[in-house]
C-alpha atoms as a PDB file:
ATOM      1  CA  MET A   1       0.000   0.000   0.000  1.00  0.00           C
ATOM      2  CA  ALA A   2       1.318   3.429  -0.966  1.00  0.00           C
ATOM      3  CA  LYS A   3       2.229   5.828   1.824  1.00  0.00           C
ATOM      4  CA  ASN A   4       0.848   9.365   1.470  1.00  0.00           C
ATOM      5  CA  LEU A   5       1.995  12.715   2.836  1.00  0.00           C
ATOM      6  CA  ILE A   6      -0.342  15.715   2.809  1.00  0.00           C
ATOM      7  CA  ILE A   7       1.522  19.030   3.059  1.00  0.00           C
ATOM      8  CA  TYR A   8      -0.790  22.004   3.408  1.00  0.00           C
ATOM      9  CA  TYR A   9      -1.138  25.664   4.256  1.00  0.00           C
ATOM     10  CA  SER A  10      -4.567  27.003   5.119  1.00  0.00           C
ATOM     11  CA  ARG A  11      -5.725  30.469   6.097  1.00  0.00           C
ATOM     12  CA  LYS A  12      -8.193  30.841   8.961  1.00  0.00           C
ATOM     13  CA  GLY A  13      -9.895  34.130   9.725  1.00  0.00           C
ATOM     14  CA  GLN A  14     -10.717  36.592   6.970  1.00  0.00           C
ATOM     15  CA  ASN A  15     -11.067  34.969   3.547  1.00  0.00           C
ATOM     16  CA  TYR A  16     -12.639  35.859   0.225  1.00  0.00           C
ATOM     17  CA  VAL A  17     -15.725  33.682  -0.283  1.00  0.00           C
ATOM     18  CA  ASN A  18     -18.128  34.110  -3.203  1.00  0.00           C
ATOM     19  CA  GLY A  19     -17.429  37.832  -3.541  1.00  0.00           C
ATOM     20  CA  SER A  20     -17.442  38.697   0.178  1.00  0.00           C
ATOM     21  CA  ILE A  21     -14.910  38.710   2.981  1.00  0.00           C
ATOM     22  CA  LEU A  22     -15.967  36.205   5.639  1.00  0.00           C
ATOM     23  CA  GLU A  23     -14.442  35.025   8.909  1.00  0.00           C
ATOM     24  CA  LEU A  24     -13.576  31.310   8.725  1.00  0.00           C
ATOM     25  CA  LYS A  25     -12.957  29.245  11.861  1.00  0.00           C
ATOM     26  CA  LYS A  26     -11.155  26.650   9.758  1.00  0.00           C
ATOM     27  CA  GLY A  27      -9.449  27.382   6.452  1.00  0.00           C
ATOM     28  CA  ASN A  28     -10.754  25.837   3.245  1.00  0.00           C
ATOM     29  CA  THR A  29      -7.486  24.083   2.444  1.00  0.00           C
ATOM     30  CA  GLU A  30      -7.355  22.470   5.880  1.00  0.00           C
ATOM     31  CA  ILE A  31     -10.829  21.052   5.286  1.00  0.00           C
ATOM     32  CA  VAL A  32      -9.729  19.605   1.941  1.00  0.00           C
ATOM     33  CA  ALA A  33      -6.459  18.220   3.376  1.00  0.00           C
ATOM     34  CA  GLU A  34      -8.412  16.439   6.109  1.00  0.00           C
ATOM     35  CA  LEU A  35     -10.777  14.969   3.510  1.00  0.00           C
ATOM     36  CA  ILE A  36      -7.795  13.603   1.574  1.00  0.00           C
ATOM     37  CA  GLU A  37      -6.457  12.070   4.793  1.00  0.00           C
ATOM     38  CA  LYS A  38      -9.858  10.534   5.519  1.00  0.00           C
ATOM     39  CA  ASN A  39     -10.269   9.009   2.049  1.00  0.00           C
ATOM     40  CA  ALA A  40      -6.720   8.144   0.933  1.00  0.00           C
ATOM     41  CA  GLY A  41      -4.938   7.927   4.262  1.00  0.00           C
ATOM     42  CA  GLY A  42      -1.661   9.615   5.022  1.00  0.00           C
ATOM     43  CA  ASP A  43       0.139  11.944   7.352  1.00  0.00           C
ATOM     44  CA  LEU A  44      -0.739  15.632   7.589  1.00  0.00           C
ATOM     45  CA  PHE A  45       1.970  18.300   7.778  1.00  0.00           C
ATOM     46  CA  GLN A  46       0.837  21.894   8.234  1.00  0.00           C
ATOM     47  CA  ILE A  47       3.002  24.709   6.875  1.00  0.00           C
ATOM     48  CA  GLU A  48       3.170  27.594   9.351  1.00  0.00           C
ATOM     49  CA  PRO A  49       5.110  30.784   8.643  1.00  0.00           C
ATOM     50  CA  VAL A  50       7.212  32.343  11.399  1.00  0.00           C
ATOM     51  CA  GLU A  51       5.656  35.727  10.626  1.00  0.00           C
ATOM     52  CA  ASP A  52       1.875  35.690  10.558  1.00  0.00           C
ATOM     53  CA  TYR A  53       0.098  37.290   7.654  1.00  0.00           C
ATOM     54  CA  PRO A  54      -2.053  40.346   8.380  1.00  0.00           C
ATOM     55  CA  VAL A  55      -5.476  39.688   9.872  1.00  0.00           C
ATOM     56  CA  ASP A  56      -7.018  41.784   7.091  1.00  0.00           C
ATOM     57  CA  TYR A  57      -7.519  39.632   3.988  1.00  0.00           C
ATOM     58  CA  MET A  58      -6.789  42.423   1.488  1.00  0.00           C
ATOM     59  CA  GLN A  59      -3.527  43.273   3.252  1.00  0.00           C
ATOM     60  CA  THR A  60      -2.593  39.592   3.115  1.00  0.00           C
ATOM     61  CA  THR A  61      -3.105  39.558  -0.655  1.00  0.00           C
ATOM     62  CA  GLU A  62      -0.721  42.496  -0.955  1.00  0.00           C
ATOM     63  CA  VAL A  63       1.929  40.746   1.153  1.00  0.00           C
ATOM     64  CA  ALA A  64       1.463  37.558  -0.885  1.00  0.00           C
ATOM     65  CA  GLN A  65       1.917  39.481  -4.127  1.00  0.00           C
ATOM     66  CA  ASP A  66       5.067  41.168  -2.797  1.00  0.00           C
ATOM     67  CA  GLU A  67       6.457  37.751  -1.775  1.00  0.00           C
ATOM     68  CA  LEU A  68       5.740  36.329  -5.232  1.00  0.00           C
ATOM     69  CA  ARG A  69       7.397  39.261  -7.016  1.00  0.00           C
ATOM     70  CA  ALA A  70      10.453  38.991  -4.740  1.00  0.00           C
ATOM     71  CA  LYS A  71      10.538  35.177  -5.047  1.00  0.00           C
ATOM     72  CA  ALA A  72      10.639  35.205  -1.249  1.00  0.00           C
ATOM     73  CA  ARG A  73      11.029  32.068   0.808  1.00  0.00           C
ATOM     74  CA  PRO A  74       9.468  32.993   4.170  1.00  0.00           C
ATOM     75  CA  ALA A  75      10.820  31.164   7.219  1.00  0.00           C
ATOM     76  CA  LEU A  76       8.672  28.416   8.727  1.00  0.00           C
ATOM     77  CA  LYS A  77       8.042  27.436  12.328  1.00  0.00           C
ATOM     78  CA  ARG A  78       9.071  23.852  11.547  1.00  0.00           C
ATOM     79  CA  TYR A  79      10.308  21.883   8.574  1.00  0.00           C
ATOM     80  CA  LEU A  80      10.114  18.407   7.164  1.00  0.00           C
ATOM     81  CA  ASP A  81      13.614  17.126   6.460  1.00  0.00           C
ATOM     82  CA  ASP A  82      12.958  13.683   5.015  1.00  0.00           C
ATOM     83  CA  ILE A  83      10.123  12.259   2.938  1.00  0.00           C
ATOM     84  CA  SER A  84      11.849   9.022   1.954  1.00  0.00           C
ATOM     85  CA  GLY A  85       9.086   6.955   3.584  1.00  0.00           C
ATOM     86  CA  TYR A  86       6.383   8.335   1.301  1.00  0.00           C
ATOM     87  CA  ASP A  87       5.273   7.430  -2.224  1.00  0.00           C
ATOM     88  CA  ASN A  88       2.780  10.240  -2.891  1.00  0.00           C
ATOM     89  CA  VAL A  89       2.821  13.847  -1.722  1.00  0.00           C
ATOM     90  CA  PHE A  90      -0.278  16.015  -1.876  1.00  0.00           C
ATOM     91  CA  VAL A  91       0.673  19.693  -1.883  1.00  0.00           C
ATOM     92  CA  CYS A  92      -2.414  21.590  -0.756  1.00  0.00           C
ATOM     93  CA  GLY A  93      -2.745  25.342  -0.648  1.00  0.00           C
ATOM     94  CA  PRO A  94      -4.810  28.354  -1.585  1.00  0.00           C
ATOM     95  CA  CYS A  95      -4.225  29.777  -5.052  1.00  0.00           C
ATOM     96  CA  TRP A  96      -2.537  33.112  -4.348  1.00  0.00           C
ATOM     97  CA  TRP A  97      -1.701  35.085  -7.468  1.00  0.00           C
ATOM     98  CA  GLY A  98      -1.872  31.970  -9.633  1.00  0.00           C
ATOM     99  CA  THR A  99       0.258  29.610  -7.557  1.00  0.00           C
ATOM    100  CA  PHE A 100       1.048  28.346  -4.075  1.00  0.00           C
ATOM    101  CA  PRO A 101       1.964  30.770  -1.288  1.00  0.00           C
ATOM    102  CA  MET A 102       5.738  31.285  -1.328  1.00  0.00           C
ATOM    103  CA  MET A 103       6.131  29.752   2.144  1.00  0.00           C
ATOM    104  CA  MET A 104       5.191  26.402   0.641  1.00  0.00           C
ATOM    105  CA  LEU A 105       8.161  26.622  -1.711  1.00  0.00           C
ATOM    106  CA  THR A 106      10.370  27.242   1.315  1.00  0.00           C
ATOM    107  CA  GLN A 107       9.476  23.705   2.408  1.00  0.00           C
ATOM    108  CA  LEU A 108       9.275  21.968  -0.970  1.00  0.00           C
ATOM    109  CA  GLU A 109      12.662  23.138  -2.209  1.00  0.00           C
ATOM    110  CA  ARG A 110      14.374  21.554   0.830  1.00  0.00           C
ATOM    111  CA  LEU A 111      13.214  18.029   0.007  1.00  0.00           C
ATOM    112  CA  ASP A 112      14.340  15.221  -2.297  1.00  0.00           C
ATOM    113  CA  PHE A 113      11.338  14.108  -4.341  1.00  0.00           C
ATOM    114  CA  THR A 114      13.149  11.442  -6.341  1.00  0.00           C
ATOM    115  CA  GLY A 115      10.728   8.598  -7.070  1.00  0.00           C
ATOM    116  CA  LYS A 116       7.720  10.427  -5.563  1.00  0.00           C
ATOM    117  CA  THR A 117       4.512  11.500  -7.252  1.00  0.00           C
ATOM    118  CA  VAL A 118       3.246  14.926  -6.248  1.00  0.00           C
ATOM    119  CA  TYR A 119      -0.279  16.244  -6.700  1.00  0.00           C
ATOM    120  CA  ALA A 120      -1.376  19.882  -6.674  1.00  0.00           C
ATOM    121  CA  VAL A 121      -4.492  20.490  -4.603  1.00  0.00           C
ATOM    122  CA  MET A 122      -5.644  24.111  -4.804  1.00  0.00           C
ATOM    123  CA  THR A 123      -8.496  25.885  -3.107  1.00  0.00           C
ATOM    124  CA  HIS A 124      -9.571  28.961  -5.005  1.00  0.00           C
ATOM    125  CA  GLU A 125     -12.342  31.445  -5.638  1.00  0.00           C
ATOM    126  CA  GLY A 126     -12.128  31.393  -9.411  1.00  0.00           C
ATOM    127  CA  SER A 127      -8.557  30.754 -10.540  1.00  0.00           C
ATOM    128  CA  GLY A 128      -8.588  26.952 -10.493  1.00  0.00           C
ATOM    129  CA  LEU A 129      -5.177  25.265 -10.410  1.00  0.00           C
ATOM    130  CA  GLY A 130      -3.474  28.379 -11.778  1.00  0.00           C
ATOM    131  CA  GLY A 131       0.181  27.531 -12.425  1.00  0.00           C
ATOM    132  CA  SER A 132       0.451  25.176  -9.453  1.00  0.00           C
ATOM    133  CA  GLU A 133       1.437  22.084 -11.457  1.00  0.00           C
ATOM    134  CA  LYS A 134       4.209  24.034 -13.209  1.00  0.00           C
ATOM    135  CA  THR A 135       5.364  25.283  -9.808  1.00  0.00           C
ATOM    136  CA  LEU A 136       5.536  21.695  -8.537  1.00  0.00           C
ATOM    137  CA  ARG A 137       7.578  20.612 -11.574  1.00  0.00           C
ATOM    138  CA  GLN A 138      10.076  23.384 -10.807  1.00  0.00           C
ATOM    139  CA  SER A 139      10.173  22.997  -7.011  1.00  0.00           C
ATOM    140  CA  CYS A 140       9.898  19.245  -6.454  1.00  0.00           C
ATOM    141  CA  LYS A 141      13.086  18.008  -8.111  1.00  0.00           C
ATOM    142  CA  GLY A 142      12.906  14.364  -9.149  1.00  0.00           C
ATOM    143  CA  ALA A 143       9.142  14.037  -8.747  1.00  0.00           C
ATOM    144  CA  ALA A 144       6.525  12.957 -11.211  1.00  0.00           C
ATOM    145  CA  VAL A 145       3.618  15.415 -11.183  1.00  0.00           C
ATOM    146  CA  GLY A 146       0.192  13.777 -11.224  1.00  0.00           C
ATOM    147  CA  LYS A 147      -3.101  15.321 -12.280  1.00  0.00           C
ATOM    148  CA  GLY A 148      -4.089  17.924  -9.702  1.00  0.00           C
ATOM    149  CA  ILE A 149      -7.460  19.133  -8.502  1.00  0.00           C
ATOM    150  CA  ALA A 150      -8.921  22.577  -7.898  1.00  0.00           C
ATOM    151  CA  ILE A 151     -11.634  22.932  -5.262  1.00  0.00           C
ATOM    152  CA  HIS A 152     -13.736  26.079  -5.091  1.00  0.00           C
ATOM    153  CA  GLY A 153     -13.017  27.336  -1.574  1.00  0.00           C
ATOM    154  CA  ALA A 154     -16.636  28.103  -0.787  1.00  0.00           C
ATOM    155  CA  GLU A 155     -17.418  24.444  -1.583  1.00  0.00           C
ATOM    156  CA  ALA A 156     -14.560  22.893   0.433  1.00  0.00           C
ATOM    157  CA  ALA A 157     -16.834  21.353   3.056  1.00  0.00           C
ATOM    158  CA  LYS A 158     -18.973  19.791   0.295  1.00  0.00           C
ATOM    159  CA  SER A 159     -16.084  18.533  -1.846  1.00  0.00           C
ATOM    160  CA  GLU A 160     -15.720  14.978  -0.540  1.00  0.00           C
ATOM    161  CA  SER A 161     -17.426  13.280  -3.499  1.00  0.00           C
ATOM    162  CA  SER A 162     -15.319  15.283  -6.001  1.00  0.00           C
ATOM    163  CA  LEU A 163     -12.177  14.431  -4.062  1.00  0.00           C
ATOM    164  CA  LYS A 164     -13.108  10.731  -4.010  1.00  0.00           C
ATOM    165  CA  ARG A 165     -13.575  10.712  -7.808  1.00  0.00           C
ATOM    166  CA  TRP A 166     -10.242  12.487  -8.277  1.00  0.00           C
ATOM    167  CA  LEU A 167      -8.419  10.147  -5.884  1.00  0.00           C
ATOM    168  CA  ALA A 168      -9.924   7.119  -7.644  1.00  0.00           C
ATOM    169  CA  SER A 169      -9.002   8.465 -11.098  1.00  0.00           C
ATOM    170  CA  ASN A 170      -5.373   8.725  -9.922  1.00  0.00           C
ATOM    171  CA  GLY A 171      -5.422   5.232  -8.358  1.00  0.00           C
ATOM    172  CA  LEU A 172      -5.055   6.698  -4.871  1.00  0.00           C
ATOM    173  CA  MET A 173      -7.936   4.911  -3.131  1.00  0.00           C
END
């Protein structure tokens, strides 16, 4: 049986949902990551930046854009150093400016993905997968990149059946 790792970043608090800013007790990506764990099994690893993003959602988008432009690699509270025990790695994050938040690359670029298959899992409010699969090809050296999935953030809690179909289509359950 394949061993799965689910790496994710999820934003709680203010988020853009169907055209409005709402306060979320649990981030959309965390919900999706937990659904992957429930249906495919695996270990969860949450990405947490040392410096918190602003509470205000719009300010966070500005910081995220600045990080992307600068190709920043924000420091994390903790890191994974070895993924040799895993076959598949799900990289789950919100689609910020067309790709993963830069802090996720801080983690991914430290790892050896030789012989692993990575899957982009993006929560979004209209941008789909963006360039996330291209980002994984560039950041996850040695990995094969499987077919990813985009989950509309507002539908995260109702996405289990879509996730099951996607997992099955990739031979992951």
